[in-house]
């Protein structure tokens, strides 16, 4: 899917909603898997870290992608809306890379599930 200056707002919102749902489907199992490997005396600490971690990681992520978008918009040879579009496409390219890394991490977590069998 590709967005440009002619893409309707409803399509962009739908894509962002789908992205949010996908992230929630990724984060919930990976954090639950982490909790299942905790020692009984560290569950409270890990639960607190688990609650704060998505926000702590998400805030710099938004900032990084905003910087990428701004830098790509300013350094593109285009002007006006085309410059913003160039920045958006550059940012989405980096988002796809981040999603690929997240998918690889999820696959790795699923394949290395080493819970004791009982």
N, C-alpha and C. Protein backbone atom coordinates (compact mmCIF):
# COMPACT_ATOMS: atom_id res chain seq x y z
N UNK A 1 0.85 -1.17 0.00
CA UNK A 1 0.00 0.00 0.00
C UNK A 1 0.89 1.23 0.00
N UNK A 2 0.52 2.20 -0.78
CA UNK A 2 1.30 3.42 -0.88
C UNK A 2 0.38 4.62 -0.70
N UNK A 3 0.85 5.61 0.07
CA UNK A 3 0.09 6.83 0.29
C UNK A 3 0.74 7.97 -0.47
N UNK A 4 -0.07 8.85 -0.98
CA UNK A 4 0.45 10.09 -1.57
C UNK A 4 -0.51 11.22 -1.21
N UNK A 5 -0.31 12.38 -1.81
CA UNK A 5 -1.13 13.54 -1.44
C UNK A 5 -2.59 13.39 -1.84
N UNK A 6 -2.91 12.40 -2.68
CA UNK A 6 -4.31 12.19 -3.10
C UNK A 6 -5.02 11.14 -2.26
N UNK A 7 -4.31 10.50 -1.34
CA UNK A 7 -4.92 9.46 -0.50
C UNK A 7 -5.94 10.08 0.44
N UNK A 8 -7.10 9.45 0.51
CA UNK A 8 -8.17 9.98 1.36
C UNK A 8 -7.84 9.75 2.83
N UNK A 9 -8.35 10.66 3.66
CA UNK A 9 -8.13 10.59 5.10
C UNK A 9 -8.67 9.28 5.67
N UNK A 10 -9.81 8.83 5.19
CA UNK A 10 -10.40 7.59 5.71
C UNK A 10 -9.48 6.40 5.47
N UNK A 11 -8.80 6.36 4.34
CA UNK A 11 -7.88 5.27 4.06
C UNK A 11 -6.69 5.33 5.01
N UNK A 12 -6.16 6.53 5.23
CA UNK A 12 -5.03 6.66 6.17
C UNK A 12 -5.44 6.28 7.59
N UNK A 13 -6.62 6.73 8.01
CA UNK A 13 -7.08 6.37 9.36
C UNK A 13 -7.29 4.87 9.48
N UNK A 14 -7.84 4.26 8.44
CA UNK A 14 -8.03 2.81 8.45
C UNK A 14 -6.70 2.08 8.57
N UNK A 15 -5.69 2.55 7.85
CA UNK A 15 -4.36 1.94 7.92
C UNK A 15 -3.76 2.12 9.32
N UNK A 16 -3.93 3.29 9.91
CA UNK A 16 -3.40 3.53 11.25
C UNK A 16 -4.12 2.68 12.30
N UNK A 17 -5.43 2.51 12.13
CA UNK A 17 -6.19 1.64 13.05
C UNK A 17 -5.71 0.20 12.91
N UNK A 18 -5.52 -0.25 11.67
CA UNK A 18 -5.01 -1.60 11.45
C UNK A 18 -3.63 -1.77 12.06
N UNK A 19 -2.79 -0.76 11.92
CA UNK A 19 -1.45 -0.80 12.52
C UNK A 19 -1.55 -0.90 14.04
N UNK A 20 -2.44 -0.12 14.65
CA UNK A 20 -2.63 -0.17 16.10
C UNK A 20 -3.11 -1.53 16.58
N UNK A 21 -4.05 -2.11 15.86
CA UNK A 21 -4.56 -3.44 16.22
C UNK A 21 -3.44 -4.47 16.09
N UNK A 22 -2.66 -4.38 15.01
CA UNK A 22 -1.56 -5.32 14.82
C UNK A 22 -0.53 -5.20 15.94
N UNK A 23 -0.22 -3.97 16.34
CA UNK A 23 0.74 -3.78 17.43
C UNK A 23 0.20 -4.35 18.74
N UNK A 24 -1.09 -4.17 19.00
CA UNK A 24 -1.64 -4.71 20.23
C UNK A 24 -1.64 -6.24 20.20
N UNK A 25 -1.86 -6.83 19.03
CA UNK A 25 -1.80 -8.28 18.92
C UNK A 25 -0.38 -8.79 19.06
N UNK A 26 0.60 -7.95 18.77
CA UNK A 26 2.00 -8.34 18.94
C UNK A 26 2.45 -8.14 20.39
N UNK A 27 2.14 -7.00 20.95
CA UNK A 27 2.65 -6.67 22.29
C UNK A 27 2.06 -7.55 23.39
N UNK A 28 0.78 -7.83 23.33
CA UNK A 28 0.15 -8.62 24.40
C UNK A 28 0.80 -10.00 24.54
N UNK A 29 0.94 -10.78 23.47
CA UNK A 29 1.55 -12.11 23.65
C UNK A 29 3.02 -12.05 24.06
N UNK A 30 3.77 -11.11 23.50
CA UNK A 30 5.20 -11.08 23.81
C UNK A 30 5.42 -10.68 25.27
N UNK A 31 4.59 -9.78 25.79
CA UNK A 31 4.73 -9.39 27.19
C UNK A 31 4.22 -10.49 28.12
N UNK A 32 3.19 -11.21 27.71
CA UNK A 32 2.70 -12.33 28.50
C UNK A 32 3.73 -13.45 28.53
N UNK A 33 4.38 -13.69 27.39
CA UNK A 33 5.43 -14.70 27.35
C UNK A 33 6.57 -14.32 28.30
N UNK A 34 6.90 -13.05 28.33
CA UNK A 34 7.94 -12.58 29.25
C UNK A 34 7.54 -12.85 30.69
N UNK A 35 6.30 -12.55 31.05
CA UNK A 35 5.83 -12.77 32.42
C UNK A 35 5.84 -14.25 32.78
N UNK A 36 5.59 -15.12 31.81
CA UNK A 36 5.54 -16.56 32.12
C UNK A 36 6.91 -17.11 32.49
N UNK A 37 7.98 -16.39 32.13
CA UNK A 37 9.33 -16.85 32.45
C UNK A 37 9.90 -16.18 33.70
N UNK A 38 9.10 -15.39 34.38
CA UNK A 38 9.58 -14.67 35.57
C UNK A 38 9.65 -15.60 36.78
N UNK A 39 10.62 -15.33 37.61
CA UNK A 39 10.72 -16.04 38.88
C UNK A 39 9.61 -15.50 39.80
N UNK A 40 9.07 -16.30 40.70
CA UNK A 40 7.99 -15.84 41.56
C UNK A 40 8.32 -14.59 42.38
N UNK A 41 9.57 -14.44 42.81
CA UNK A 41 9.91 -13.27 43.63
C UNK A 41 10.15 -12.01 42.80
N UNK A 42 10.16 -12.10 41.48
CA UNK A 42 10.38 -10.91 40.64
C UNK A 42 9.15 -10.53 39.81
N UNK A 43 8.04 -11.20 40.02
CA UNK A 43 6.85 -10.94 39.21
C UNK A 43 6.36 -9.51 39.39
N UNK A 44 6.40 -8.97 40.60
CA UNK A 44 5.93 -7.60 40.84
C UNK A 44 6.76 -6.58 40.09
N UNK A 45 8.07 -6.73 40.15
CA UNK A 45 8.96 -5.80 39.45
C UNK A 45 8.77 -5.93 37.95
N UNK A 46 8.72 -7.13 37.45
CA UNK A 46 8.55 -7.34 36.01
C UNK A 46 7.21 -6.82 35.53
N UNK A 47 6.18 -6.97 36.34
CA UNK A 47 4.86 -6.45 35.97
C UNK A 47 4.90 -4.93 35.83
N UNK A 48 5.60 -4.26 36.73
CA UNK A 48 5.73 -2.80 36.64
C UNK A 48 6.50 -2.39 35.40
N UNK A 49 7.58 -3.08 35.13
CA UNK A 49 8.38 -2.78 33.92
C UNK A 49 7.54 -3.04 32.68
N UNK A 50 6.78 -4.12 32.70
CA UNK A 50 5.92 -4.47 31.56
C UNK A 50 4.88 -3.39 31.29
N UNK A 51 4.38 -2.77 32.34
CA UNK A 51 3.36 -1.72 32.17
C UNK A 51 3.95 -0.43 31.62
N UNK A 52 5.19 -0.13 31.97
CA UNK A 52 5.81 1.14 31.58
C UNK A 52 6.56 1.03 30.26
N UNK A 53 7.09 -0.13 29.96
CA UNK A 53 7.97 -0.29 28.81
C UNK A 53 7.38 0.13 27.47
N UNK A 54 6.15 -0.23 27.11
CA UNK A 54 5.63 0.21 25.81
C UNK A 54 5.60 1.73 25.65
N UNK A 55 5.28 2.44 26.71
CA UNK A 55 5.28 3.91 26.63
C UNK A 55 6.68 4.46 26.51
N UNK A 56 7.59 3.91 27.29
CA UNK A 56 8.98 4.40 27.28
C UNK A 56 9.63 4.14 25.92
N UNK A 57 9.34 3.02 25.31
CA UNK A 57 9.89 2.72 24.00
C UNK A 57 9.13 3.47 22.92
N UNK A 58 7.83 3.62 23.07
CA UNK A 58 7.01 4.28 22.05
C UNK A 58 7.30 5.76 21.88
N UNK A 59 7.54 6.46 22.98
CA UNK A 59 7.77 7.91 22.89
C UNK A 59 9.00 8.25 22.06
N UNK A 60 10.15 7.66 22.32
CA UNK A 60 11.30 7.97 21.45
C UNK A 60 11.07 7.51 20.01
N UNK A 61 10.33 6.42 19.83
CA UNK A 61 10.04 5.94 18.49
C UNK A 61 9.28 6.97 17.68
N UNK A 62 8.27 7.58 18.28
CA UNK A 62 7.51 8.62 17.60
C UNK A 62 8.41 9.80 17.28
N UNK A 63 9.26 10.18 18.22
CA UNK A 63 10.19 11.28 17.99
C UNK A 63 11.17 10.98 16.86
N UNK A 64 11.69 9.77 16.84
CA UNK A 64 12.64 9.38 15.78
C UNK A 64 11.97 9.45 14.42
N UNK A 65 10.76 8.90 14.31
CA UNK A 65 10.07 8.93 13.02
C UNK A 65 9.69 10.36 12.62
N UNK A 66 9.39 11.22 13.59
CA UNK A 66 9.11 12.62 13.27
C UNK A 66 10.36 13.32 12.74
N UNK A 67 11.50 13.02 13.34
CA UNK A 67 12.76 13.60 12.86
C UNK A 67 13.08 13.10 11.45
N UNK A 68 12.89 11.81 11.21
CA UNK A 68 13.12 11.26 9.87
C UNK A 68 12.23 11.95 8.84
N UNK A 69 10.94 12.10 9.18
CA UNK A 69 10.00 12.73 8.25
C UNK A 69 10.39 14.19 7.99
N UNK A 70 10.72 14.93 9.04
CA UNK A 70 11.09 16.34 8.88
C UNK A 70 12.36 16.47 8.06
N UNK A 71 13.36 15.66 8.37
CA UNK A 71 14.63 15.74 7.66
C UNK A 71 14.44 15.38 6.18
N UNK A 72 13.67 14.32 5.91
CA UNK A 72 13.45 13.92 4.52
C UNK A 72 12.65 14.97 3.76
N UNK A 73 11.72 15.63 4.43
CA UNK A 73 10.94 16.70 3.78
C UNK A 73 11.81 17.89 3.46
N UNK A 74 12.71 18.24 4.37
CA UNK A 74 13.57 19.42 4.18
C UNK A 74 14.66 19.17 3.15
N UNK A 75 15.16 17.95 3.07
CA UNK A 75 16.28 17.68 2.17
C UNK A 75 15.86 17.19 0.79
N UNK A 76 14.56 16.96 0.58
CA UNK A 76 14.13 16.51 -0.74
C UNK A 76 14.22 17.67 -1.73
N UNK A 77 14.34 17.33 -2.99
CA UNK A 77 14.43 18.35 -4.03
C UNK A 77 13.07 18.94 -4.36
N UNK A 78 12.02 18.31 -3.87
CA UNK A 78 10.66 18.78 -4.15
C UNK A 78 10.32 19.95 -3.23
N UNK A 79 9.27 20.67 -3.60
CA UNK A 79 8.78 21.78 -2.78
C UNK A 79 7.28 21.61 -2.54
N UNK A 80 6.81 22.25 -1.48
CA UNK A 80 5.38 22.23 -1.18
C UNK A 80 4.91 20.86 -0.74
N UNK A 81 3.70 20.47 -1.19
CA UNK A 81 3.15 19.17 -0.79
C UNK A 81 4.01 17.99 -1.23
N UNK A 82 4.72 18.13 -2.33
CA UNK A 82 5.57 17.03 -2.80
C UNK A 82 6.71 16.76 -1.82
N UNK A 83 7.21 17.79 -1.16
CA UNK A 83 8.27 17.60 -0.16
C UNK A 83 7.73 16.84 1.04
N UNK A 84 6.53 17.18 1.46
CA UNK A 84 5.91 16.45 2.58
C UNK A 84 5.65 15.00 2.20
N UNK A 85 5.25 14.80 0.96
CA UNK A 85 5.00 13.44 0.48
C UNK A 85 6.30 12.64 0.47
N UNK A 86 7.40 13.26 0.05
CA UNK A 86 8.70 12.59 0.04
C UNK A 86 9.11 12.22 1.47
N UNK A 87 8.89 13.13 2.41
CA UNK A 87 9.20 12.83 3.80
C UNK A 87 8.36 11.70 4.35
N UNK A 88 7.09 11.69 3.97
CA UNK A 88 6.18 10.64 4.43
C UNK A 88 6.62 9.29 3.89
N UNK A 89 6.97 9.23 2.61
CA UNK A 89 7.41 7.95 2.03
C UNK A 89 8.70 7.45 2.66
N UNK A 90 9.62 8.36 2.93
CA UNK A 90 10.86 7.96 3.60
C UNK A 90 10.56 7.42 4.99
N UNK A 91 9.68 8.07 5.70
CA UNK A 91 9.31 7.61 7.05
C UNK A 91 8.64 6.25 6.99
N UNK A 92 7.73 6.06 6.04
CA UNK A 92 7.05 4.77 5.93
C UNK A 92 8.03 3.65 5.59
N UNK A 93 9.04 3.95 4.80
CA UNK A 93 10.08 2.97 4.50
C UNK A 93 10.74 2.50 5.81
N UNK A 94 11.04 3.44 6.68
CA UNK A 94 11.66 3.10 7.96
C UNK A 94 10.67 2.38 8.89
N UNK A 95 9.41 2.73 8.81
CA UNK A 95 8.38 2.02 9.60
C UNK A 95 8.31 0.57 9.16
N UNK A 96 8.38 0.31 7.85
CA UNK A 96 8.34 -1.06 7.36
C UNK A 96 9.56 -1.85 7.85
N UNK A 97 10.71 -1.21 7.93
CA UNK A 97 11.90 -1.87 8.47
C UNK A 97 11.67 -2.21 9.94
N UNK A 98 11.11 -1.27 10.71
CA UNK A 98 10.82 -1.51 12.12
C UNK A 98 9.81 -2.64 12.29
N UNK A 99 8.81 -2.70 11.42
CA UNK A 99 7.83 -3.79 11.49
C UNK A 99 8.49 -5.13 11.18
N UNK A 100 9.42 -5.13 10.24
CA UNK A 100 10.14 -6.35 9.92
C UNK A 100 10.95 -6.85 11.11
N UNK A 101 11.61 -5.92 11.79
CA UNK A 101 12.38 -6.28 12.98
C UNK A 101 11.44 -6.81 14.07
N UNK A 102 10.29 -6.16 14.26
CA UNK A 102 9.32 -6.61 15.26
C UNK A 102 8.80 -8.01 14.91
N UNK A 103 8.52 -8.26 13.63
CA UNK A 103 8.05 -9.59 13.21
C UNK A 103 9.13 -10.64 13.44
N UNK A 104 10.39 -10.30 13.17
CA UNK A 104 11.48 -11.24 13.42
C UNK A 104 11.60 -11.54 14.91
N UNK A 105 11.44 -10.52 15.76
CA UNK A 105 11.50 -10.73 17.21
C UNK A 105 10.35 -11.62 17.68
N UNK A 106 9.17 -11.41 17.12
CA UNK A 106 8.02 -12.25 17.49
C UNK A 106 8.27 -13.69 17.08
N UNK A 107 8.76 -13.89 15.87
CA UNK A 107 9.05 -15.24 15.39
C UNK A 107 10.11 -15.91 16.28
N UNK A 108 11.13 -15.16 16.62
CA UNK A 108 12.18 -15.69 17.49
C UNK A 108 11.61 -16.07 18.86
N UNK A 109 10.74 -15.23 19.40
CA UNK A 109 10.14 -15.52 20.71
C UNK A 109 9.27 -16.77 20.65
N UNK A 110 8.52 -16.93 19.57
CA UNK A 110 7.65 -18.10 19.45
C UNK A 110 8.47 -19.37 19.28
N UNK A 111 9.54 -19.29 18.50
CA UNK A 111 10.36 -20.47 18.24
C UNK A 111 11.23 -20.88 19.42
N UNK A 112 11.49 -19.96 20.33
CA UNK A 112 12.35 -20.28 21.47
C UNK A 112 11.57 -20.42 22.77
N UNK A 113 10.32 -20.71 22.69
CA UNK A 113 9.50 -20.90 23.89
C UNK A 113 10.04 -22.12 24.63
N UNK A 114 10.65 -21.89 25.77
CA UNK A 114 11.30 -22.98 26.51
C UNK A 114 10.66 -23.22 27.86
N UNK A 115 9.35 -23.12 27.92
CA UNK A 115 8.66 -23.40 29.18
C UNK A 115 8.84 -24.87 29.54
N UNK A 116 9.04 -25.14 30.82
CA UNK A 116 9.18 -26.56 31.22
C UNK A 116 7.89 -27.32 30.94
N UNK A 117 8.07 -28.49 30.44
CA UNK A 117 6.90 -29.33 30.14
C UNK A 117 6.57 -30.15 31.39
N UNK A 118 5.28 -30.21 31.68
CA UNK A 118 4.97 -30.91 32.91
C UNK A 118 3.77 -31.73 32.88
